[in-house]
């Protein structure tokens, strides 16, 4: 009889112990992956662009140039550029400008920006002019490292005569590192 009681007790303990084991259920939680922003907090950029100069008086000029920019904050950067513009009756003009950029990048690829700069303009007559400019533009990043941009700026110099000066427009490729 004792043998039956002990066997029954062991059977009851074995049967009830499985009811306490593993009461938790595990659910798979899906964590959404945040898309990386195409604009980095600090980045170095190289620009290759075509340019057009549209003067208040006279014919337009066409050319191109190269530039380098460094954004030390996501929204603020410095740049330098060199460009050449040719006009049929006036010869070639070239300029070197330094710029301060303020941009507001959207992580999905678009970034409007404003710029202000100072520099020097040179011409075939070997005379140079100090100049300043102010303008804005738009950049679209195709990938994290390649973008398309277009901008326009008003170029002003106190050394220009009343018929000179005007808008300088650029469009080109931007390579970011």
Foldseek 3Di string as FASTA:
>chain_A
DVVVVVVVVVVVCVVVVVVPPDPDDDDDDDDDDDDFFLQDQWKKKKWWKKKKFDWQDDDIWTWIWIKIKIRNGSFKIKMKIKIKTQDDPFGIKIKIKIKIKGWDDDRQFKIKIKIKIWIKMAGPVRDIFTKIKIWIWMWGAPGSFKIKIKIKIWIDTPPDDPRGTGMMIIIGMMGMD
